[in-house]
N, C-alpha and C. Protein backbone atom coordinates (compact mmCIF):
# COMPACT_ATOMS: atom_id res chain seq x y z
N UNK A 1 0.50 -1.42 -0.03
CA UNK A 1 0.22 0.10 -0.80
C UNK A 1 1.19 1.38 -0.06
N UNK A 2 1.35 2.27 -1.09
CA UNK A 2 1.34 3.10 -1.15
C UNK A 2 -0.29 4.85 -0.29
N UNK A 3 0.72 5.57 0.21
CA UNK A 3 0.04 6.45 0.53
C UNK A 3 0.82 7.88 -0.64
N UNK A 4 1.08 9.44 -0.86
CA UNK A 4 0.68 10.26 -0.92
C UNK A 4 0.66 11.49 -1.02
N UNK A 5 1.44 12.29 -0.32
CA UNK A 5 0.74 13.64 -0.16
C UNK A 5 0.55 14.74 -1.48
N UNK A 6 -0.24 15.27 -2.08
CA UNK A 6 0.32 16.54 -2.99
C UNK A 6 1.92 17.02 -3.66
N UNK A 7 2.84 16.70 -3.93
CA UNK A 7 3.79 17.30 -4.45
C UNK A 7 4.41 17.59 -2.44
N UNK A 8 4.24 17.68 -1.93
CA UNK A 8 4.94 17.99 -0.34
C UNK A 8 5.79 16.95 -0.43
N UNK A 9 4.96 15.64 0.67
CA UNK A 9 6.45 14.43 0.54
C UNK A 9 5.16 12.55 -0.09
N UNK A 10 6.01 12.35 -0.23
CA UNK A 10 5.37 10.83 -0.49
C UNK A 10 5.83 9.99 0.77
N UNK A 11 4.69 9.38 1.73
CA UNK A 11 4.80 8.62 1.98
C UNK A 11 3.59 6.89 2.04
N UNK A 12 5.27 6.27 2.17
CA UNK A 12 4.87 5.21 1.92
C UNK A 12 4.35 3.84 3.24
N UNK A 13 4.10 2.58 2.85
CA UNK A 13 4.42 1.54 4.55
C UNK A 13 3.30 0.37 3.58
N UNK A 14 3.94 -0.39 4.53
CA UNK A 14 3.39 -1.96 3.94
C UNK A 14 3.40 -3.08 5.17
N UNK A 15 2.58 -3.99 5.37
CA UNK A 15 1.94 -4.40 5.79
C UNK A 15 2.75 -5.67 5.90
N UNK A 16 3.26 -6.62 6.10
CA UNK A 16 4.07 -7.15 6.82
C UNK A 16 3.40 -8.11 7.61
N UNK A 17 2.47 -9.27 7.79
CA UNK A 17 1.44 -10.00 7.56
C UNK A 17 3.04 -12.09 9.08
N UNK A 18 3.54 -11.42 8.07
CA UNK A 18 4.68 -12.45 8.07
C UNK A 18 5.85 -12.52 9.77
N UNK A 19 5.94 -11.09 9.87
CA UNK A 19 7.65 -10.76 10.83
C UNK A 19 6.09 -9.59 11.80
N UNK A 20 4.42 -9.85 11.30
CA UNK A 20 4.06 -7.99 12.31
C UNK A 20 4.46 -7.27 12.76
N UNK A 21 4.54 -6.61 10.89
CA UNK A 21 5.15 -5.33 11.51
C UNK A 21 4.79 -4.57 9.79
N UNK A 22 4.35 -3.57 10.63
CA UNK A 22 4.63 -1.63 9.76
C UNK A 22 5.33 -1.20 9.10
N UNK A 23 5.64 -1.37 8.46
CA UNK A 23 7.12 -0.61 7.49
C UNK A 23 6.79 -0.10 6.58
N UNK A 24 6.92 1.30 6.79
CA UNK A 24 5.87 2.81 6.75
C UNK A 24 7.97 3.23 6.05
N UNK A 25 7.49 4.21 5.54
CA UNK A 25 9.49 5.25 4.98
C UNK A 25 8.42 7.13 4.52
N UNK A 26 10.03 7.61 4.15
CA UNK A 26 9.59 8.67 4.12
C UNK A 26 10.42 8.97 3.80
N UNK A 27 9.58 10.58 2.89
CA UNK A 27 10.64 11.03 2.19
C UNK A 27 9.76 12.58 1.81
N UNK A 28 11.31 13.68 1.89
CA UNK A 28 10.58 14.90 0.79
C UNK A 28 10.66 15.80 2.46
N UNK A 29 9.48 16.05 1.85
CA UNK A 29 8.80 17.65 3.07
C UNK A 29 7.71 16.78 4.29
N UNK A 30 8.05 16.87 4.75
CA UNK A 30 6.99 16.50 5.91
C UNK A 30 6.52 17.97 6.76
N UNK A 31 5.08 17.64 6.88
CA UNK A 31 4.10 18.88 7.50
C UNK A 31 2.78 18.18 8.51
N UNK A 32 2.85 18.24 9.26
CA UNK A 32 1.92 17.63 9.83
C UNK A 32 0.74 17.99 9.71
N UNK A 33 -0.38 17.90 8.23
CA UNK A 33 -1.30 17.10 7.52
C UNK A 33 -0.77 16.47 7.44
N UNK A 34 0.76 16.08 6.22
CA UNK A 34 0.74 15.23 5.63
C UNK A 34 1.08 13.65 6.41
N UNK A 35 1.58 14.25 7.58
CA UNK A 35 1.95 12.47 8.92
C UNK A 35 0.32 12.45 9.30
N UNK A 36 -0.73 13.11 9.67
CA UNK A 36 -2.48 12.70 9.91
C UNK A 36 -2.36 11.83 9.04
N UNK A 37 -2.84 11.87 7.49
CA UNK A 37 -3.41 11.26 6.27
C UNK A 37 -2.16 9.86 6.23
N UNK A 38 -0.94 9.54 6.49
CA UNK A 38 -0.47 9.31 6.89
C UNK A 38 -0.88 8.29 7.72
N UNK A 39 -0.74 8.39 8.58
CA UNK A 39 -1.65 7.42 9.94
C UNK A 39 -2.90 7.18 9.34
N UNK A 40 -3.54 8.24 9.43
CA UNK A 40 -5.03 7.51 8.77
C UNK A 40 -5.03 6.30 8.26
N UNK A 41 -4.26 6.81 6.90
CA UNK A 41 -4.13 5.39 6.13
C UNK A 41 -3.51 4.71 7.00
N UNK A 42 -2.57 4.26 7.26
CA UNK A 42 -2.11 2.61 7.56
C UNK A 42 -3.19 2.25 8.83
N UNK A 43 -4.44 3.27 9.63
CA UNK A 43 -5.07 3.38 10.66
C UNK A 43 -6.24 1.98 9.96
N UNK A 44 -6.44 3.00 8.51
CA UNK A 44 -7.80 2.08 8.38
C UNK A 44 -7.86 1.00 6.70
N UNK A 45 -6.05 0.93 7.04
CA UNK A 45 -6.42 -0.42 6.55
C UNK A 45 -6.48 -2.12 6.84
N UNK A 46 -7.22 -2.77 6.16
CA UNK A 46 -7.85 -3.62 6.35
C UNK A 46 -6.88 -4.38 6.94
N UNK A 47 -5.68 -4.99 6.97
CA UNK A 47 -4.40 -5.50 6.78
C UNK A 47 -3.70 -4.80 8.12
N UNK A 48 -4.09 -3.41 9.04
CA UNK A 48 -3.31 -3.61 9.50
C UNK A 48 -3.94 -4.01 11.19
N UNK A 49 -2.94 -4.08 11.75
CA UNK A 49 -3.30 -4.69 13.15
C UNK A 49 -2.54 -3.91 14.33
N UNK A 50 -3.31 -3.26 15.20
CA UNK A 50 -2.41 -1.99 16.81
C UNK A 50 -1.32 -2.25 17.44
N UNK A 51 -1.55 -4.32 17.37
CA UNK A 51 -0.72 -5.01 18.41
C UNK A 51 0.35 -5.70 17.14
N UNK A 52 0.90 -5.06 15.99
CA UNK A 52 1.85 -5.17 15.05
C UNK A 52 3.00 -4.05 16.11
N UNK A 53 3.98 -4.23 15.43
CA UNK A 53 5.76 -2.76 15.93
C UNK A 53 5.20 -2.71 14.49
N UNK A 54 6.09 -1.14 14.29
CA UNK A 54 6.12 -0.36 13.18
C UNK A 54 8.06 0.17 13.33
N UNK A 55 8.08 -0.25 11.90
CA UNK A 55 9.34 0.54 11.92
C UNK A 55 10.11 1.12 11.13
N UNK A 56 10.41 2.52 10.82
CA UNK A 56 10.01 3.75 9.84
C UNK A 56 11.66 4.21 9.30
N UNK A 57 11.83 4.27 8.78
CA UNK A 57 12.71 5.20 8.28
C UNK A 57 13.01 6.19 7.25
N UNK A 58 13.22 7.58 7.84
CA UNK A 58 13.34 8.86 7.07
C UNK A 58 15.11 9.53 6.62
N UNK A 59 15.43 9.26 5.46
CA UNK A 59 16.84 9.09 5.49
C UNK A 59 16.92 10.35 4.17
N UNK A 60 15.65 9.95 3.46
CA UNK A 60 15.74 10.37 2.63
C UNK A 60 14.24 11.91 2.74
N UNK A 61 13.87 12.68 3.72
CA UNK A 61 13.16 13.60 4.47
C UNK A 61 14.22 14.48 4.71
N UNK A 62 13.91 15.60 3.58
CA UNK A 62 14.75 17.48 3.06
C UNK A 62 14.68 18.02 3.75
N UNK A 63 12.54 17.94 4.50
CA UNK A 63 12.87 18.68 4.86
C UNK A 63 11.06 19.15 6.42
N UNK A 64 11.47 19.81 6.99
CA UNK A 64 10.41 19.31 8.46
C UNK A 64 9.69 20.68 8.47
N UNK A 65 8.52 21.08 7.88
CA UNK A 65 7.63 22.35 8.24
C UNK A 65 6.63 21.19 9.40
N UNK A 66 7.73 21.76 10.26
CA UNK A 66 6.24 21.07 12.19
C UNK A 66 6.88 22.65 12.86
N UNK A 67 6.47 22.79 13.45
CA UNK A 67 6.69 23.98 14.65
C UNK A 67 6.30 22.81 15.94
N UNK A 68 6.82 23.49 17.14
CA UNK A 68 7.33 22.52 18.08
C UNK A 68 5.41 22.15 18.62
N UNK A 69 4.47 22.90 18.69
CA UNK A 69 2.88 22.85 19.20
C UNK A 69 3.06 21.67 17.84
N UNK A 70 3.23 21.67 16.97
CA UNK A 70 1.75 20.84 15.52
C UNK A 70 3.00 19.18 16.38
N UNK A 71 4.33 19.46 16.69
CA UNK A 71 4.77 17.84 16.93
C UNK A 71 4.51 17.83 18.19
N UNK A 72 4.30 18.11 19.19
CA UNK A 72 3.78 17.49 20.68
C UNK A 72 1.89 17.21 19.87
N UNK A 73 1.71 18.01 19.07
CA UNK A 73 0.29 17.28 18.54
C UNK A 73 -0.17 15.94 18.20
N UNK A 74 0.97 16.33 17.67
CA UNK A 74 1.66 14.78 16.45
C UNK A 74 1.75 13.25 17.57
N UNK A 75 2.25 13.67 18.96
CA UNK A 75 2.26 12.79 19.52
C UNK A 75 1.34 12.15 20.37
N UNK A 76 0.33 13.07 20.54
CA UNK A 76 -0.67 12.99 20.73
C UNK A 76 -1.12 11.43 20.34
N UNK A 77 -0.97 11.43 18.90
CA UNK A 77 -1.30 10.38 17.71
C UNK A 77 -1.15 9.41 17.98
N UNK A 78 -2.06 8.33 18.60
CA UNK A 78 -1.18 6.98 19.07
C UNK A 78 -2.51 5.98 18.37
N UNK A 79 -2.13 4.60 17.47
CA UNK A 79 -2.69 4.10 16.76
C UNK A 79 -2.25 2.96 16.75
N UNK A 80 -1.05 2.18 17.70
CA UNK A 80 -0.45 0.65 17.85
C UNK A 80 -0.59 0.60 19.13
N UNK A 81 -0.89 -0.57 19.60
CA UNK A 81 -1.11 -0.41 21.38
C UNK A 81 -0.06 -0.34 22.48
N UNK A 82 -0.48 -0.30 23.00
CA UNK A 82 1.25 0.55 24.42
C UNK A 82 2.66 -0.48 24.38
N UNK A 83 1.93 -1.76 24.31
CA UNK A 83 2.56 -2.97 23.77
C UNK A 83 3.77 -2.44 22.52
N UNK A 84 3.28 -2.84 21.86
CA UNK A 84 4.56 -2.40 20.33
C UNK A 84 4.57 -1.48 20.69
N UNK A 85 5.98 -1.75 19.40
CA UNK A 85 7.30 -0.91 19.54
C UNK A 85 7.33 -0.33 18.25
N UNK A 86 7.50 1.16 18.40
CA UNK A 86 7.77 1.56 16.91
C UNK A 86 9.28 2.26 17.50
N UNK A 87 9.14 2.00 16.14
CA UNK A 87 10.93 2.03 15.86
C UNK A 87 10.73 3.30 14.67
N UNK A 88 11.87 4.26 14.78
CA UNK A 88 12.40 5.42 14.05
C UNK A 88 14.02 5.27 13.24
N UNK A 89 14.51 4.83 12.10
CA UNK A 89 15.69 5.09 11.57
C UNK A 89 16.22 6.61 10.83
N UNK A 90 16.54 6.94 11.74
CA UNK A 90 16.56 8.48 11.07
C UNK A 90 18.15 8.91 11.44
N UNK A 91 19.02 7.95 9.91
CA UNK A 91 20.64 7.86 9.36
C UNK A 91 20.81 10.09 9.70
N UNK A 92 20.03 10.88 8.97
CA UNK A 92 20.31 11.74 9.09
C UNK A 92 20.12 12.64 10.45
N UNK A 93 21.04 14.21 10.26
CA UNK A 93 21.08 14.81 11.74
C UNK A 93 19.87 15.29 12.14
N UNK A 94 19.41 16.01 11.30
CA UNK A 94 17.56 17.05 10.90
C UNK A 94 16.44 16.02 11.61
N UNK A 95 16.81 15.27 10.68
CA UNK A 95 15.57 13.97 10.78
C UNK A 95 15.76 13.80 12.27
N UNK A 96 16.74 13.15 12.11
CA UNK A 96 17.50 12.19 14.19
C UNK A 96 16.16 13.78 15.37
N UNK A 97 17.39 14.69 15.01
CA UNK A 97 17.51 15.87 15.90
C UNK A 97 15.54 15.80 15.77
N UNK A 98 14.26 16.45 15.45
CA UNK A 98 13.10 16.45 15.90
C UNK A 98 12.78 15.01 16.76
N UNK A 99 13.09 13.68 15.59
CA UNK A 99 13.01 12.19 16.69
C UNK A 99 12.75 11.93 17.77
N UNK A 100 14.00 13.20 18.02
CA UNK A 100 14.14 12.42 19.41
C UNK A 100 13.38 13.77 20.52
N UNK A 101 13.15 14.78 19.63
CA UNK A 101 11.90 15.83 20.33
C UNK A 101 10.84 15.09 20.07
N UNK A 102 9.83 14.29 19.29
CA UNK A 102 9.01 14.03 19.55
C UNK A 102 8.98 12.67 20.47
N UNK A 103 9.85 11.99 20.85
CA UNK A 103 10.06 10.89 21.30
C UNK A 103 9.83 12.04 22.87
N UNK A 104 10.80 12.14 23.13
CA UNK A 104 10.35 13.19 24.68
C UNK A 104 9.16 14.24 25.23
N UNK A 105 8.59 13.89 23.11
CA UNK A 105 6.81 14.74 23.44
C UNK A 105 5.74 13.15 23.77
N UNK A 106 6.29 11.63 23.33
CA UNK A 106 5.36 11.26 23.43
C UNK A 106 5.54 10.49 25.03
N UNK A 107 6.60 10.38 25.72
CA UNK A 107 6.89 9.45 26.90
C UNK A 107 6.78 10.85 27.91
N UNK A 108 6.30 12.00 27.63
CA UNK A 108 5.47 13.36 28.81
C UNK A 108 4.44 13.03 28.76
N UNK A 109 3.87 12.07 27.52
CA UNK A 109 2.16 12.18 28.11
C UNK A 109 1.67 10.43 28.03
N UNK A 110 3.22 9.97 28.19
CA UNK A 110 2.35 8.50 28.60
C UNK A 110 3.69 7.29 28.96
N UNK A 111 3.40 6.24 29.37
CA UNK A 111 4.26 5.25 29.03
C UNK A 111 4.27 5.11 26.78
N UNK A 112 5.53 5.28 26.60
CA UNK A 112 4.92 4.60 25.36
C UNK A 112 6.81 3.56 24.66
N UNK A 113 6.63 3.10 24.09
CA UNK A 113 7.76 2.42 23.14
C UNK A 113 8.21 2.39 21.58
N UNK A 114 8.63 4.08 21.93
CA UNK A 114 8.92 4.59 20.68
C UNK A 114 10.50 5.05 21.09
N UNK A 115 10.74 5.14 19.10
CA UNK A 115 12.68 4.98 19.74
C UNK A 115 13.37 5.49 18.61
N UNK A 116 14.20 6.31 18.70
CA UNK A 116 14.37 6.09 17.67
C UNK A 116 16.27 6.15 17.47
N UNK A 117 16.64 5.63 16.27
CA UNK A 117 17.47 4.60 16.25
C UNK A 117 18.33 4.99 14.96
N UNK A 118 19.63 5.37 14.97
CA UNK A 118 21.15 5.41 13.55
C UNK A 118 20.76 4.84 12.28
N UNK A 119 20.56 2.77 12.87
CA UNK A 119 20.62 1.95 11.59
C UNK A 119 19.54 1.38 11.93
N UNK A 120 18.67 0.75 11.39
CA UNK A 120 17.55 -0.54 11.06
C UNK A 120 18.16 -1.58 11.74
N UNK A 121 19.60 -1.70 12.22
CA UNK A 121 20.15 -2.87 12.44
C UNK A 121 19.95 -2.29 14.09
N UNK A 122 19.90 -1.55 14.90
CA UNK A 122 19.65 -0.81 16.64
C UNK A 122 18.24 -1.36 16.48
N UNK A 123 17.46 -0.63 15.64
CA UNK A 123 15.88 -0.78 15.61
C UNK A 123 15.42 -2.06 15.88
N UNK A 124 16.29 -3.50 14.75
CA UNK A 124 15.49 -4.39 14.86
C UNK A 124 15.70 -5.28 16.56
N UNK A 125 17.37 -5.26 16.37
CA UNK A 125 17.25 -4.99 17.34
C UNK A 125 16.18 -5.42 18.75
N UNK A 126 16.08 -4.03 18.87
CA UNK A 126 14.75 -3.05 20.39
C UNK A 126 14.10 -3.92 20.27
N UNK A 127 13.24 -3.76 18.35
CA UNK A 127 12.10 -4.04 18.88
C UNK A 127 11.94 -5.84 19.62
N UNK A 128 12.65 -6.52 19.26
CA UNK A 128 13.07 -7.95 18.96
C UNK A 128 13.13 -7.75 20.22
N UNK A 129 13.92 -7.29 21.08
CA UNK A 129 13.00 -7.26 22.39
C UNK A 129 12.39 -7.36 23.35
N UNK A 130 10.91 -6.18 22.53
CA UNK A 130 9.48 -6.74 22.84
C UNK A 130 9.26 -7.83 22.74
N UNK A 131 9.35 -8.00 21.80
CA UNK A 131 8.76 -9.69 21.40
C UNK A 131 9.62 -11.00 21.85
N UNK A 132 10.52 -10.54 23.07
CA UNK A 132 10.36 -11.46 23.45
C UNK A 132 9.79 -11.34 24.58
N UNK A 133 9.29 -9.91 25.00
CA UNK A 133 7.70 -10.19 26.27
C UNK A 133 7.24 -10.21 25.79
N UNK A 134 6.99 -10.47 24.58
CA UNK A 134 5.46 -10.86 23.96
C UNK A 134 5.35 -11.99 23.66
N UNK A 135 6.02 -12.88 23.83
CA UNK A 135 6.49 -14.48 23.62
C UNK A 135 5.56 -14.72 21.39
N UNK A 136 6.34 -13.33 20.70
CA UNK A 136 6.24 -13.11 19.74
C UNK A 136 8.06 -13.73 18.86
N UNK A 137 8.21 -13.73 17.74
CA UNK A 137 9.34 -14.87 17.08
C UNK A 137 10.43 -13.61 16.81
N UNK A 138 11.72 -13.19 17.18
CA UNK A 138 12.28 -12.34 16.80
C UNK A 138 12.82 -11.70 15.35
N UNK A 139 12.64 -10.79 14.84
CA UNK A 139 13.27 -11.18 13.10
C UNK A 139 14.09 -10.62 13.02
N UNK A 140 14.90 -11.69 11.57
CA UNK A 140 16.43 -11.22 12.09
C UNK A 140 16.71 -10.18 11.07
N UNK A 141 17.84 -9.74 12.19
CA UNK A 141 18.30 -9.01 11.80
C UNK A 141 18.46 -8.21 10.47
N UNK A 142 19.36 -9.35 9.44
CA UNK A 142 19.33 -9.80 8.07
C UNK A 142 18.62 -9.63 7.20
N UNK A 143 17.25 -9.44 7.18
CA UNK A 143 15.72 -8.82 6.99
C UNK A 143 16.27 -7.31 7.44
N UNK A 144 15.65 -6.86 5.62
CA UNK A 144 16.00 -5.54 5.04
C UNK A 144 14.24 -5.33 5.26
N UNK A 145 14.11 -4.19 6.28
CA UNK A 145 12.06 -3.95 5.93
C UNK A 145 12.09 -3.09 5.16
N UNK A 146 12.64 -2.18 4.26
CA UNK A 146 12.58 -0.97 3.23
C UNK A 146 13.23 -1.74 2.29
N UNK A 147 13.49 -2.20 1.74
CA UNK A 147 14.53 -3.26 1.29
C UNK A 147 13.43 -3.02 -0.59
N UNK A 148 11.81 -3.06 0.18
CA UNK A 148 10.68 -3.16 -0.87
C UNK A 148 10.04 -1.57 -1.61
N UNK A 149 10.60 -0.98 -1.02
CA UNK A 149 10.02 0.53 -1.50
C UNK A 149 11.43 1.28 -2.39
């Protein structure tokens, strides 16, 4: 499933039932509206299961048009179960810094399983730690969730 928003950015996701995982990727310019529409598209997908884990890559994000209030508002949007782990792989400095602010806003409001990483291997290790607690099979670290995009 792919989702795009008017020239501003393309957000794509796919649901991997084999790994109980939602995989997302962001490119271009991020705005609050694009993020809301992206999350709504995931939630409305009939294959979506809120108990799945989520891994998202933002290395191709070129601009973040989000102020701190919008970032706080987005941090309030919850579509996954609290036990699910949500990892963001943010290789570039801009995306990493803003993602860390987002992570802090989420932690202020509730106990959350959201964490930011520089690479997919560390993100998958962290997701697997949560899977042990839920008696789910781990994801192989050699698995490249972003290969199909």
